[in-house]
Amino acid sequence: MNELKNAAPSFHRKDSSLVLAHILFVCSAGGESCRAPKGYTEYPIGEVMETAEQTPRILERWGVWVGILVVQILVAYTVPVTEIINDPSPGSKGFVTW
């Protein structure tokens, strides 16, 4: 009988307070959404000024940005990948501090 009592999962006071906090949060969030005013809100959208200059066409092309991205990735990962290929042993190389 004592073995079954020890094997059963325990429900502590902190667990019940978490459940209570969750229930209160869900009720308050649900209550707020029910009391919210219904309707449509117009959101202002920015308009281009008449004196604005045109954006350069080179900045509007995805190919330029993808190319820059690929170059940056290659520069960033070239040294670590070559080190992994040249020295595949686990861990880092030893440091000489003297």
PDB file of N, CA and C in Angstrom:
ATOM      1  N   MET A   1       0.823  -1.184   0.000  1.00  0.00           N
ATOM      2  CA  MET A   1       0.000   0.000   0.000  1.00  0.00           C
ATOM      3  C   MET A   1       0.873   1.256   0.000  1.00  0.00           C
ATOM      4  N   ASN A   2       1.938   1.242   0.759  1.00  0.00           N
ATOM      5  CA  ASN A   2       2.830   2.379   0.848  1.00  0.00           C
ATOM      6  C   ASN A   2       3.547   2.618  -0.482  1.00  0.00           C
ATOM      7  N   GLU A   3       3.820   1.536  -1.247  1.00  0.00           N
ATOM      8  CA  GLU A   3       4.491   1.673  -2.541  1.00  0.00           C
ATOM      9  C   GLU A   3       3.593   2.401  -3.536  1.00  0.00           C
ATOM     10  N   LEU A   4       2.291   2.139  -3.516  1.00  0.00           N
ATOM     11  CA  LEU A   4       1.375   2.808  -4.427  1.00  0.00           C
ATOM     12  C   LEU A   4       1.266   4.283  -4.107  1.00  0.00           C
ATOM     13  N   LYS A   5       1.336   4.613  -2.836  1.00  0.00           N
ATOM     14  CA  LYS A   5       1.236   6.011  -2.448  1.00  0.00           C
ATOM     15  C   LYS A   5       2.447   6.793  -2.952  1.00  0.00           C
ATOM     16  N   ASN A   6       3.612   6.213  -2.921  1.00  0.00           N
ATOM     17  CA  ASN A   6       4.816   6.876  -3.391  1.00  0.00           C
ATOM     18  C   ASN A   6       4.874   6.944  -4.916  1.00  0.00           C
ATOM     19  N   ALA A   7       4.234   5.985  -5.596  1.00  0.00           N
ATOM     20  CA  ALA A   7       4.296   5.938  -7.050  1.00  0.00           C
ATOM     21  C   ALA A   7       3.306   6.904  -7.696  1.00  0.00           C
ATOM     22  N   ALA A   8       2.276   7.315  -6.981  1.00  0.00           N
ATOM     23  CA  ALA A   8       1.264   8.191  -7.560  1.00  0.00           C
ATOM     24  C   ALA A   8       1.842   9.595  -7.746  1.00  0.00           C
ATOM     25  N   PRO A   9       1.487  10.258  -8.855  1.00  0.00           N
ATOM     26  CA  PRO A   9       1.974  11.622  -9.053  1.00  0.00           C
ATOM     27  C   PRO A   9       1.355  12.562  -8.026  1.00  0.00           C
ATOM     28  N   SER A  10       2.152  13.479  -7.560  1.00  0.00           N
ATOM     29  CA  SER A  10       1.658  14.397  -6.531  1.00  0.00           C
ATOM     30  C   SER A  10       1.202  15.696  -7.174  1.00  0.00           C
ATOM     31  N   PHE A  11       0.213  16.311  -6.569  1.00  0.00           N
ATOM     32  CA  PHE A  11      -0.319  17.579  -7.028  1.00  0.00           C
ATOM     33  C   PHE A  11      -0.079  18.578  -5.927  1.00  0.00           C
ATOM     34  N   HIS A  12       0.893  19.445  -6.124  1.00  0.00           N
ATOM     35  CA  HIS A  12       1.306  20.360  -5.076  1.00  0.00           C
ATOM     36  C   HIS A  12       0.521  21.661  -5.132  1.00  0.00           C
ATOM     37  N   ARG A  13       0.692  22.455  -4.093  1.00  0.00           N
ATOM     38  CA  ARG A  13       0.014  23.742  -3.998  1.00  0.00           C
ATOM     39  C   ARG A  13       0.450  24.680  -5.127  1.00  0.00           C
ATOM     40  N   LYS A  14       1.753  24.644  -5.493  1.00  0.00           N
ATOM     41  CA  LYS A  14       2.214  25.519  -6.566  1.00  0.00           C
ATOM     42  C   LYS A  14       1.590  25.142  -7.901  1.00  0.00           C
ATOM     43  N   ASP A  15       1.320  23.851  -8.107  1.00  0.00           N
ATOM     44  CA  ASP A  15       0.660  23.429  -9.340  1.00  0.00           C
ATOM     45  C   ASP A  15      -0.763  23.971  -9.401  1.00  0.00           C
ATOM     46  N   SER A  16      -1.462  23.934  -8.280  1.00  0.00           N
ATOM     47  CA  SER A  16      -2.836  24.425  -8.280  1.00  0.00           C
ATOM     48  C   SER A  16      -2.872  25.941  -8.465  1.00  0.00           C
ATOM     49  N   SER A  17      -1.858  26.649  -7.958  1.00  0.00           N
ATOM     50  CA  SER A  17      -1.844  28.094  -8.149  1.00  0.00           C
ATOM     51  C   SER A  17      -1.555  28.440  -9.611  1.00  0.00           C
ATOM     52  N   LEU A  18      -0.754  27.628 -10.293  1.00  0.00           N
ATOM     53  CA  LEU A  18      -0.516  27.851 -11.708  1.00  0.00           C
ATOM     54  C   LEU A  18      -1.786  27.622 -12.518  1.00  0.00           C
ATOM     55  N   VAL A  19      -2.531  26.582 -12.167  1.00  0.00           N
ATOM     56  CA  VAL A  19      -3.791  26.306 -12.858  1.00  0.00           C
ATOM     57  C   VAL A  19      -4.766  27.452 -12.626  1.00  0.00           C
ATOM     58  N   LEU A  20      -4.849  27.934 -11.393  1.00  0.00           N
ATOM     59  CA  LEU A  20      -5.736  29.051 -11.083  1.00  0.00           C
ATOM     60  C   LEU A  20      -5.318  30.313 -11.848  1.00  0.00           C
ATOM     61  N   ALA A  21      -4.022  30.599 -11.918  1.00  0.00           N
ATOM     62  CA  ALA A  21      -3.541  31.759 -12.651  1.00  0.00           C
ATOM     63  C   ALA A  21      -3.876  31.642 -14.139  1.00  0.00           C
ATOM     64  N   HIS A  22      -3.744  30.454 -14.684  1.00  0.00           N
ATOM     65  CA  HIS A  22      -4.075  30.232 -16.092  1.00  0.00           C
ATOM     66  C   HIS A  22      -5.568  30.462 -16.333  1.00  0.00           C
ATOM     67  N   ILE A  23      -6.405  29.938 -15.461  1.00  0.00           N
ATOM     68  CA  ILE A  23      -7.854  30.113 -15.611  1.00  0.00           C
ATOM     69  C   ILE A  23      -8.218  31.591 -15.528  1.00  0.00           C
ATOM     70  N   LEU A  24      -7.634  32.314 -14.574  1.00  0.00           N
ATOM     71  CA  LEU A  24      -7.921  33.743 -14.450  1.00  0.00           C
ATOM     72  C   LEU A  24      -7.464  34.517 -15.686  1.00  0.00           C
ATOM     73  N   PHE A  25      -6.317  34.165 -16.212  1.00  0.00           N
ATOM     74  CA  PHE A  25      -5.809  34.851 -17.397  1.00  0.00           C
ATOM     75  C   PHE A  25      -6.720  34.604 -18.595  1.00  0.00           C
ATOM     76  N   VAL A  26      -7.121  33.357 -18.801  1.00  0.00           N
ATOM     77  CA  VAL A  26      -7.980  33.028 -19.933  1.00  0.00           C
ATOM     78  C   VAL A  26      -9.330  33.729 -19.800  1.00  0.00           C
ATOM     79  N   CYS A  27      -9.869  33.754 -18.596  1.00  0.00           N
ATOM     80  CA  CYS A  27     -11.164  34.425 -18.391  1.00  0.00           C
ATOM     81  C   CYS A  27     -11.052  35.932 -18.624  1.00  0.00           C
ATOM     82  N   SER A  28      -9.990  36.540 -18.148  1.00  0.00           N
ATOM     83  CA  SER A  28      -9.860  37.988 -18.337  1.00  0.00           C
ATOM     84  C   SER A  28      -9.628  38.320 -19.806  1.00  0.00           C
ATOM     85  N   ALA A  29      -8.822  37.537 -20.507  1.00  0.00           N
ATOM     86  CA  ALA A  29      -8.583  37.801 -21.923  1.00  0.00           C
ATOM     87  C   ALA A  29      -9.848  37.559 -22.732  1.00  0.00           C
ATOM     88  N   GLY A  30     -10.588  36.522 -22.399  1.00  0.00           N
ATOM     89  CA  GLY A  30     -11.834  36.243 -23.107  1.00  0.00           C
ATOM     90  C   GLY A  30     -12.877  37.301 -22.841  1.00  0.00           C
ATOM     91  N   GLY A  31     -12.949  37.777 -21.605  1.00  0.00           N
ATOM     92  CA  GLY A  31     -13.907  38.820 -21.265  1.00  0.00           C
ATOM     93  C   GLY A  31     -13.597  40.122 -21.970  1.00  0.00           C
ATOM     94  N   GLU A  32     -12.319  40.451 -22.079  1.00  0.00           N
ATOM     95  CA  GLU A  32     -11.933  41.689 -22.757  1.00  0.00           C
ATOM     96  C   GLU A  32     -12.268  41.629 -24.238  1.00  0.00           C
ATOM     97  N   SER A  33     -12.089  40.479 -24.852  1.00  0.00           N
ATOM     98  CA  SER A  33     -12.381  40.390 -26.277  1.00  0.00           C
ATOM     99  C   SER A  33     -13.882  40.437 -26.540  1.00  0.00           C
ATOM    100  N   CYS A  34     -14.710  39.986 -25.603  1.00  0.00           N
ATOM    101  CA  CYS A  34     -16.160  40.052 -25.783  1.00  0.00           C
ATOM    102  C   CYS A  34     -16.669  41.478 -25.604  1.00  0.00           C
ATOM    103  N   ARG A  35     -16.017  42.259 -24.754  1.00  0.00           N
ATOM    104  CA  ARG A  35     -16.462  43.628 -24.496  1.00  0.00           C
ATOM    105  C   ARG A  35     -15.855  44.651 -25.442  1.00  0.00           C
ATOM    106  N   ALA A  36     -14.963  44.213 -26.298  1.00  0.00           N
ATOM    107  CA  ALA A  36     -14.307  45.147 -27.207  1.00  0.00           C
ATOM    108  C   ALA A  36     -15.320  45.687 -28.206  1.00  0.00           C
ATOM    109  N   PRO A  37     -15.199  46.955 -28.586  1.00  0.00           N
ATOM    110  CA  PRO A  37     -16.152  47.519 -29.548  1.00  0.00           C
ATOM    111  C   PRO A  37     -15.972  46.875 -30.920  1.00  0.00           C
ATOM    112  N   LYS A  38     -17.090  46.609 -31.535  1.00  0.00           N
ATOM    113  CA  LYS A  38     -17.066  46.010 -32.870  1.00  0.00           C
ATOM    114  C   LYS A  38     -17.168  47.130 -33.892  1.00  0.00           C
ATOM    115  N   GLY A  39     -16.526  46.952 -34.981  1.00  0.00           N
ATOM    116  CA  GLY A  39     -16.599  47.961 -36.025  1.00  0.00           C
ATOM    117  C   GLY A  39     -15.355  47.938 -36.881  1.00  0.00           C
ATOM    118  N   TYR A  40     -15.306  48.867 -37.770  1.00  0.00           N
ATOM    119  CA  TYR A  40     -14.177  48.947 -38.686  1.00  0.00           C
ATOM    120  C   TYR A  40     -13.387  50.213 -38.381  1.00  0.00           C
ATOM    121  N   THR A  41     -12.090  50.051 -38.340  1.00  0.00           N
ATOM    122  CA  THR A  41     -11.214  51.178 -38.086  1.00  0.00           C
ATOM    123  C   THR A  41     -10.406  51.450 -39.342  1.00  0.00           C
ATOM    124  N   GLU A  42     -10.410  52.681 -39.764  1.00  0.00           N
ATOM    125  CA  GLU A  42      -9.615  53.033 -40.928  1.00  0.00           C
ATOM    126  C   GLU A  42      -8.184  53.322 -40.483  1.00  0.00           C
ATOM    127  N   TYR A  43      -7.263  52.652 -41.129  1.00  0.00           N
ATOM    128  CA  TYR A  43      -5.856  52.857 -40.824  1.00  0.00           C
ATOM    129  C   TYR A  43      -5.258  53.735 -41.917  1.00  0.00           C
ATOM    130  N   PRO A  44      -4.625  54.819 -41.545  1.00  0.00           N
ATOM    131  CA  PRO A  44      -4.053  55.689 -42.577  1.00  0.00           C
ATOM    132  C   PRO A  44      -2.853  55.020 -43.240  1.00  0.00           C
ATOM    133  N   ILE A  45      -2.793  55.165 -44.531  1.00  0.00           N
ATOM    134  CA  ILE A  45      -1.682  54.619 -45.306  1.00  0.00           C
ATOM    135  C   ILE A  45      -0.890  55.796 -45.852  1.00  0.00           C
ATOM    136  N   GLY A  46       0.418  55.712 -45.693  1.00  0.00           N
ATOM    137  CA  GLY A  46       1.266  56.806 -46.162  1.00  0.00           C
ATOM    138  C   GLY A  46       1.188  56.958 -47.668  1.00  0.00           C
ATOM    139  N   GLU A  47       1.203  58.174 -48.104  1.00  0.00           N
ATOM    140  CA  GLU A  47       1.180  58.461 -49.537  1.00  0.00           C
ATOM    141  C   GLU A  47       2.496  59.121 -49.932  1.00  0.00           C
ATOM    142  N   VAL A  48       2.874  58.909 -51.163  1.00  0.00           N
ATOM    143  CA  VAL A  48       4.120  59.460 -51.676  1.00  0.00           C
ATOM    144  C   VAL A  48       3.930  60.949 -51.940  1.00  0.00           C
ATOM    145  N   MET A  49       4.896  61.714 -51.507  1.00  0.00           N
ATOM    146  CA  MET A  49       4.833  63.161 -51.756  1.00  0.00           C
ATOM    147  C   MET A  49       5.057  63.443 -53.235  1.00  0.00           C
ATOM    148  N   GLU A  50       4.550  64.547 -53.663  1.00  0.00           N
ATOM    149  CA  GLU A  50       4.706  64.901 -55.075  1.00  0.00           C
ATOM    150  C   GLU A  50       6.154  65.227 -55.426  1.00  0.00           C
ATOM    151  N   THR A  51       6.904  65.727 -54.454  1.00  0.00           N
ATOM    152  CA  THR A  51       8.292  66.104 -54.718  1.00  0.00           C
ATOM    153  C   THR A  51       9.283  64.964 -54.462  1.00  0.00           C
ATOM    154  N   ALA A  52       8.777  63.777 -54.188  1.00  0.00           N
ATOM    155  CA  ALA A  52       9.659  62.646 -53.872  1.00  0.00           C
ATOM    156  C   ALA A  52      10.377  62.165 -55.132  1.00  0.00           C
ATOM    157  N   GLU A  53      11.617  61.717 -54.941  1.00  0.00           N
ATOM    158  CA  GLU A  53      12.387  61.173 -56.059  1.00  0.00           C
ATOM    159  C   GLU A  53      12.048  59.699 -56.236  1.00  0.00           C
ATOM    160  N   GLN A  54      12.263  59.202 -57.425  1.00  0.00           N
ATOM    161  CA  GLN A  54      12.020  57.786 -57.713  1.00  0.00           C
ATOM    162  C   GLN A  54      13.113  56.933 -57.076  1.00  0.00           C
ATOM    163  N   THR A  55      12.748  55.761 -56.612  1.00  0.00           N
ATOM    164  CA  THR A  55      13.719  54.821 -56.073  1.00  0.00           C
ATOM    165  C   THR A  55      14.557  54.269 -57.223  1.00  0.00           C
ATOM    166  N   PRO A  56      15.880  54.172 -57.048  1.00  0.00           N
ATOM    167  CA  PRO A  56      16.708  53.610 -58.123  1.00  0.00           C
ATOM    168  C   PRO A  56      16.279  52.183 -58.453  1.00  0.00           C
ATOM    169  N   ARG A  57      16.243  51.863 -59.731  1.00  0.00           N
ATOM    170  CA  ARG A  57      15.769  50.549 -60.182  1.00  0.00           C
ATOM    171  C   ARG A  57      16.649  49.420 -59.648  1.00  0.00           C
ATOM    172  N   ILE A  58      17.923  49.696 -59.423  1.00  0.00           N
ATOM    173  CA  ILE A  58      18.816  48.642 -58.938  1.00  0.00           C
ATOM    174  C   ILE A  58      18.408  48.167 -57.546  1.00  0.00           C
ATOM    175  N   LEU A  59      17.828  49.063 -56.740  1.00  0.00           N
ATOM    176  CA  LEU A  59      17.406  48.688 -55.388  1.00  0.00           C
ATOM    177  C   LEU A  59      16.074  47.948 -55.380  1.00  0.00           C
ATOM    178  N   GLU A  60      15.355  47.977 -56.487  1.00  0.00           N
ATOM    179  CA  GLU A  60      14.065  47.310 -56.562  1.00  0.00           C
ATOM    180  C   GLU A  60      14.188  45.867 -57.052  1.00  0.00           C
ATOM    181  N   ARG A  61      15.377  45.455 -57.439  1.00  0.00           N
ATOM    182  CA  ARG A  61      15.551  44.117 -57.999  1.00  0.00           C
ATOM    183  C   ARG A  61      15.992  43.140 -56.924  1.00  0.00           C
ATOM    184  N   TRP A  62      15.311  41.993 -56.849  1.00  0.00           N
ATOM    185  CA  TRP A  62      15.634  40.968 -55.853  1.00  0.00           C
ATOM    186  C   TRP A  62      16.970  40.301 -56.149  1.00  0.00           C
ATOM    187  N   GLY A  63      17.328  40.200 -57.390  1.00  0.00           N
ATOM    188  CA  GLY A  63      18.575  39.526 -57.756  1.00  0.00           C
ATOM    189  C   GLY A  63      19.797  40.175 -57.132  1.00  0.00           C
ATOM    190  N   VAL A  64      19.786  41.496 -57.050  1.00  0.00           N
ATOM    191  CA  VAL A  64      20.912  42.212 -56.446  1.00  0.00           C
ATOM    192  C   VAL A  64      21.011  41.868 -54.963  1.00  0.00           C
ATOM    193  N   TRP A  65      19.888  41.904 -54.261  1.00  0.00           N
ATOM    194  CA  TRP A  65      19.892  41.636 -52.822  1.00  0.00           C
ATOM    195  C   TRP A  65      20.242  40.181 -52.526  1.00  0.00           C
ATOM    196  N   VAL A  66      19.746  39.261 -53.340  1.00  0.00           N
ATOM    197  CA  VAL A  66      20.085  37.843 -53.131  1.00  0.00           C
ATOM    198  C   VAL A  66      21.568  37.614 -53.399  1.00  0.00           C
ATOM    199  N   GLY A  67      22.108  38.276 -54.401  1.00  0.00           N
ATOM    200  CA  GLY A  67      23.541  38.153 -54.684  1.00  0.00           C
ATOM    201  C   GLY A  67      24.387  38.674 -53.535  1.00  0.00           C
ATOM    202  N   ILE A  68      24.016  39.829 -52.983  1.00  0.00           N
ATOM    203  CA  ILE A  68      24.739  40.373 -51.831  1.00  0.00           C
ATOM    204  C   ILE A  68      24.647  39.417 -50.647  1.00  0.00           C
ATOM    205  N   LEU A  69      23.476  38.834 -50.442  1.00  0.00           N
ATOM    206  CA  LEU A  69      23.275  37.890 -49.350  1.00  0.00           C
ATOM    207  C   LEU A  69      24.165  36.660 -49.513  1.00  0.00           C
ATOM    208  N   VAL A  70      24.238  36.109 -50.716  1.00  0.00           N
ATOM    209  CA  VAL A  70      25.068  34.920 -50.963  1.00  0.00           C
ATOM    210  C   VAL A  70      26.540  35.242 -50.728  1.00  0.00           C
ATOM    211  N   VAL A  71      27.001  36.400 -51.166  1.00  0.00           N
ATOM    212  CA  VAL A  71      28.398  36.783 -50.953  1.00  0.00           C
ATOM    213  C   VAL A  71      28.697  36.913 -49.463  1.00  0.00           C
ATOM    214  N   GLN A  72      27.806  37.527 -48.711  1.00  0.00           N
ATOM    215  CA  GLN A  72      28.030  37.670 -47.270  1.00  0.00           C
ATOM    216  C   GLN A  72      28.065  36.316 -46.570  1.00  0.00           C
ATOM    217  N   ILE A  73      27.187  35.415 -46.956  1.00  0.00           N
ATOM    218  CA  ILE A  73      27.181  34.072 -46.350  1.00  0.00           C
ATOM    219  C   ILE A  73      28.469  33.337 -46.685  1.00  0.00           C
ATOM    220  N   LEU A  74      28.921  33.425 -47.917  1.00  0.00           N
ATOM    221  CA  LEU A  74      30.169  32.755 -48.290  1.00  0.00           C
ATOM    222  C   LEU A  74      31.358  33.317 -47.525  1.00  0.00           C
ATOM    223  N   VAL A  75      31.414  34.624 -47.369  1.00  0.00           N
ATOM    224  CA  VAL A  75      32.513  35.237 -46.619  1.00  0.00           C
ATOM    225  C   VAL A  75      32.465  34.804 -45.159  1.00  0.00           C
ATOM    226  N   ALA A  76      31.278  34.743 -44.580  1.00  0.00           N
ATOM    227  CA  ALA A  76      31.151  34.413 -43.162  1.00  0.00           C
ATOM    228  C   ALA A  76      31.483  32.949 -42.874  1.00  0.00           C
ATOM    229  N   TYR A  77      31.125  32.036 -43.769  1.00  0.00           N
ATOM    230  CA  TYR A  77      31.277  30.616 -43.477  1.00  0.00           C
ATOM    231  C   TYR A  77      32.472  29.959 -44.146  1.00  0.00           C
ATOM    232  N   THR A  78      33.260  30.665 -44.907  1.00  0.00           N
ATOM    233  CA  THR A  78      34.393  30.039 -45.598  1.00  0.00           C
ATOM    234  C   THR A  78      35.434  29.530 -44.605  1.00  0.00           C
ATOM    235  N   VAL A  79      35.856  30.347 -43.677  1.00  0.00           N
ATOM    236  CA  VAL A  79      36.914  29.951 -42.738  1.00  0.00           C
ATOM    237  C   VAL A  79      36.450  28.803 -41.827  1.00  0.00           C
ATOM    238  N   PRO A  80      35.289  28.850 -41.190  1.00  0.00           N
ATOM    239  CA  PRO A  80      34.896  27.727 -40.335  1.00  0.00           C
ATOM    240  C   PRO A  80      34.734  26.414 -41.094  1.00  0.00           C
ATOM    241  N   VAL A  81      34.180  26.465 -42.290  1.00  0.00           N
ATOM    242  CA  VAL A  81      33.982  25.221 -43.046  1.00  0.00           C
ATOM    243  C   VAL A  81      35.315  24.642 -43.481  1.00  0.00           C
ATOM    244  N   THR A  82      36.262  25.478 -43.913  1.00  0.00           N
ATOM    245  CA  THR A  82      37.565  24.945 -44.303  1.00  0.00           C
ATOM    246  C   THR A  82      38.311  24.376 -43.086  1.00  0.00           C
ATOM    247  N   GLU A  83      38.152  24.978 -41.919  1.00  0.00           N
ATOM    248  CA  GLU A  83      38.770  24.425 -40.714  1.00  0.00           C
ATOM    249  C   GLU A  83      38.157  23.063 -40.363  1.00  0.00           C
ATOM    250  N   ILE A  84      36.866  22.916 -40.517  1.00  0.00           N
ATOM    251  CA  ILE A  84      36.212  21.634 -40.229  1.00  0.00           C
ATOM    252  C   ILE A  84      36.695  20.572 -41.205  1.00  0.00           C
ATOM    253  N   ILE A  85      36.863  20.929 -42.471  1.00  0.00           N
ATOM    254  CA  ILE A  85      37.316  19.960 -43.473  1.00  0.00           C
ATOM    255  C   ILE A  85      38.778  19.591 -43.242  1.00  0.00           C
ATOM    256  N   ASN A  86      39.620  20.566 -42.949  1.00  0.00           N
ATOM    257  CA  ASN A  86      41.050  20.300 -42.779  1.00  0.00           C
ATOM    258  C   ASN A  86      41.367  19.586 -41.473  1.00  0.00           C
ATOM    259  N   ASP A  87      40.664  19.853 -40.400  1.00  0.00           N
ATOM    260  CA  ASP A  87      40.926  19.234 -39.103  1.00  0.00           C
ATOM    261  C   ASP A  87      39.616  18.718 -38.517  1.00  0.00           C
ATOM    262  N   PRO A  88      39.208  17.495 -38.900  1.00  0.00           N
ATOM    263  CA  PRO A  88      37.897  16.995 -38.475  1.00  0.00           C
ATOM    264  C   PRO A  88      37.860  16.441 -37.053  1.00  0.00           C
ATOM    265  N   SER A  89      38.928  16.587 -36.272  1.00  0.00           N
ATOM    266  CA  SER A  89      38.915  16.053 -34.912  1.00  0.00           C
ATOM    267  C   SER A  89      37.960  16.880 -34.046  1.00  0.00           C
ATOM    268  N   PRO A  90      37.320  16.223 -33.074  1.00  0.00           N
ATOM    269  CA  PRO A  90      36.395  16.972 -32.222  1.00  0.00           C
ATOM    270  C   PRO A  90      37.148  17.907 -31.276  1.00  0.00           C
ATOM    271  N   GLY A  91      36.525  18.976 -30.898  1.00  0.00           N
ATOM    272  CA  GLY A  91      37.130  19.930 -29.980  1.00  0.00           C
ATOM    273  C   GLY A  91      37.948  20.966 -30.719  1.00  0.00           C
ATOM    274  N   SER A  92      38.488  21.870 -29.958  1.00  0.00           N
ATOM    275  CA  SER A  92      39.296  22.925 -30.561  1.00  0.00           C
ATOM    276  C   SER A  92      40.769  22.571 -30.449  1.00  0.00           C
ATOM    277  N   LYS A  93      41.578  23.242 -31.222  1.00  0.00           N
ATOM    278  CA  LYS A  93      43.017  23.025 -31.143  1.00  0.00           C
ATOM    279  C   LYS A  93      43.529  23.576 -29.824  1.00  0.00           C
ATOM    280  N   GLY A  94      44.626  23.026 -29.365  1.00  0.00           N
ATOM    281  CA  GLY A  94      45.208  23.506 -28.125  1.00  0.00           C
ATOM    282  C   GLY A  94      45.770  24.907 -28.255  1.00  0.00           C
ATOM    283  N   PHE A  95      45.739  25.639 -27.183  1.00  0.00           N
ATOM    284  CA  PHE A  95      46.259  27.002 -27.174  1.00  0.00           C
ATOM    285  C   PHE A  95      47.566  27.032 -26.415  1.00  0.00           C
ATOM    286  N   VAL A  96      48.553  27.729 -26.950  1.00  0.00           N
ATOM    287  CA  VAL A  96      49.822  27.917 -26.276  1.00  0.00           C
ATOM    288  C   VAL A  96      49.767  29.275 -25.599  1.00  0.00           C
ATOM    289  N   THR A  97      49.833  29.267 -24.272  1.00  0.00           N
ATOM    290  CA  THR A  97      49.684  30.528 -23.545  1.00  0.00           C
ATOM    291  C   THR A  97      51.009  31.086 -23.058  1.00  0.00           C
ATOM    292  N   TRP A  98      52.130  30.435 -23.365  1.00  0.00           N
ATOM    293  CA  TRP A  98      53.415  30.954 -22.917  1.00  0.00           C
ATOM    294  C   TRP A  98      54.328  31.242 -24.064  1.00  0.00           C
TER     295      TRP A  98
END
